[in-house]
Amino acid sequence: MPRLLQDLYQGKINPLDIRLEDGNPYKRMTEEVSEHEEELLDLLTEKEKELFAKLTTDHGEFKYLSGEEKFIQGFKMGARFIIEILYEHDGKLTDKNR
């Protein structure tokens, strides 16, 4: 297990590195969003395109921060699961888990 933490720290693994296969719902939705964005941009004036670009950038940053927060909360929840599994209700490590 320590190797996994080293690899994560050293950047050898990236939780955000998603390998998408054909038929993957995430990949399909990404393609649809991209197509709709192109269609919309064709209809906008230059000023509207600038505003849309700002909105898209802000939305991307929001999604990044939201994803980061969810990742941290999920990691903490996983740690709490481990603690609950290993320790009895009185806070002592059970003999069977040593």
Protein backbone atom coordinates (compact mmCIF):
# COMPACT_ATOMS: atom_id res chain seq x y z
CA MET A 1 0.00 0.00 0.00
CA PRO A 2 2.77 2.56 0.68
CA ARG A 3 3.73 2.33 -3.00
CA LEU A 4 0.27 3.59 -4.00
CA LEU A 5 0.70 6.69 -1.83
CA GLN A 6 4.19 7.29 -3.25
CA ASP A 7 2.89 6.99 -6.80
CA LEU A 8 0.07 9.41 -6.03
CA TYR A 9 2.45 11.92 -4.43
CA GLN A 10 4.98 11.67 -7.26
CA GLY A 11 2.30 12.19 -9.88
CA LYS A 12 2.68 8.73 -11.39
CA ILE A 13 -1.05 8.17 -11.01
CA ASN A 14 -3.73 10.76 -11.50
CA PRO A 15 -7.27 10.23 -10.20
CA LEU A 16 -8.52 12.58 -12.92
CA ASP A 17 -6.97 10.51 -15.71
CA ILE A 18 -10.10 8.98 -17.20
CA ARG A 19 -9.81 6.43 -19.97
CA LEU A 20 -13.01 6.64 -22.00
CA GLU A 21 -14.07 3.80 -24.24
CA ASP A 22 -16.63 4.05 -27.02
CA GLY A 23 -20.13 3.82 -25.61
CA ASN A 24 -19.09 5.34 -22.29
CA PRO A 25 -21.91 7.70 -21.16
CA TYR A 26 -19.39 10.32 -19.99
CA LYS A 27 -17.64 10.31 -23.37
CA ARG A 28 -20.95 10.48 -25.22
CA MET A 29 -22.12 13.43 -23.11
CA THR A 30 -18.80 15.24 -23.61
CA GLU A 31 -19.17 14.89 -27.37
CA GLU A 32 -22.77 16.15 -27.27
CA VAL A 33 -21.83 19.19 -25.19
CA SER A 34 -19.04 20.00 -27.63
CA GLU A 35 -21.39 19.73 -30.62
CA HIS A 36 -24.01 21.97 -28.98
CA GLU A 37 -21.34 24.51 -28.08
CA GLU A 38 -20.21 24.71 -31.71
CA GLU A 39 -23.82 25.13 -32.88
CA LEU A 40 -24.41 27.90 -30.37
CA LEU A 41 -21.19 29.74 -31.23
CA ASP A 42 -22.27 29.86 -34.88
CA LEU A 43 -25.35 31.84 -33.83
CA LEU A 44 -23.63 34.38 -31.56
CA THR A 45 -22.17 37.80 -32.27
CA GLU A 46 -18.53 38.48 -31.34
CA LYS A 47 -19.56 40.24 -28.13
CA GLU A 48 -21.84 37.33 -27.21
CA LYS A 49 -19.03 34.87 -27.96
CA GLU A 50 -16.76 36.77 -25.54
CA LEU A 51 -19.40 36.59 -22.81
CA PHE A 52 -19.98 32.90 -23.53
CA ALA A 53 -16.21 32.25 -23.30
CA LYS A 54 -16.12 33.98 -19.90
CA LEU A 55 -19.11 31.96 -18.72
CA THR A 56 -17.53 28.74 -19.95
CA THR A 57 -14.25 29.53 -18.19
CA ASP A 58 -16.01 30.41 -14.93
CA HIS A 59 -18.14 27.28 -15.14
CA GLY A 60 -15.05 25.15 -15.74
CA GLU A 61 -13.33 26.62 -12.69
CA PHE A 62 -16.47 26.04 -10.63
CA LYS A 63 -16.62 22.41 -11.76
CA TYR A 64 -12.93 21.95 -10.93
CA LEU A 65 -13.34 23.35 -7.42
CA SER A 66 -16.52 21.35 -6.89
CA GLY A 67 -14.80 18.16 -8.04
CA GLU A 68 -11.83 18.86 -5.78
CA GLU A 69 -14.14 19.34 -2.79
CA LYS A 70 -16.05 16.14 -3.57
CA PHE A 71 -12.77 14.22 -3.95
CA ILE A 72 -11.54 15.46 -0.55
CA GLN A 73 -14.85 14.69 1.14
CA GLY A 74 -14.92 11.21 -0.42
CA PHE A 75 -11.37 10.51 0.71
CA LYS A 76 -12.24 11.63 4.25
CA MET A 77 -15.36 9.47 4.24
CA GLY A 78 -13.28 6.47 3.15
CA ALA A 79 -10.87 7.11 6.01
CA ARG A 80 -13.79 7.29 8.46
CA PHE A 81 -15.04 3.93 7.13
CA ILE A 82 -11.63 2.39 7.77
CA ILE A 83 -11.50 3.84 11.29
CA GLU A 84 -14.98 2.57 12.08
CA ILE A 85 -14.15 -0.89 10.76
CA LEU A 86 -10.88 -1.16 12.69
CA TYR A 87 -11.94 0.33 16.00
CA GLU A 88 -14.62 -0.67 18.45
CA HIS A 89 -17.13 1.85 19.70
CA ASP A 90 -14.93 2.62 22.73
CA GLY A 91 -12.12 3.80 20.44
CA LYS A 92 -9.79 0.84 21.01
CA LEU A 93 -8.32 -1.25 18.23
CA THR A 94 -9.97 -4.65 18.29
CA ASP A 95 -7.78 -7.72 18.87
CA LYS A 96 -8.99 -9.35 15.67
CA ASN A 97 -7.78 -6.36 13.58
CA ARG A 98 -4.23 -6.11 14.97
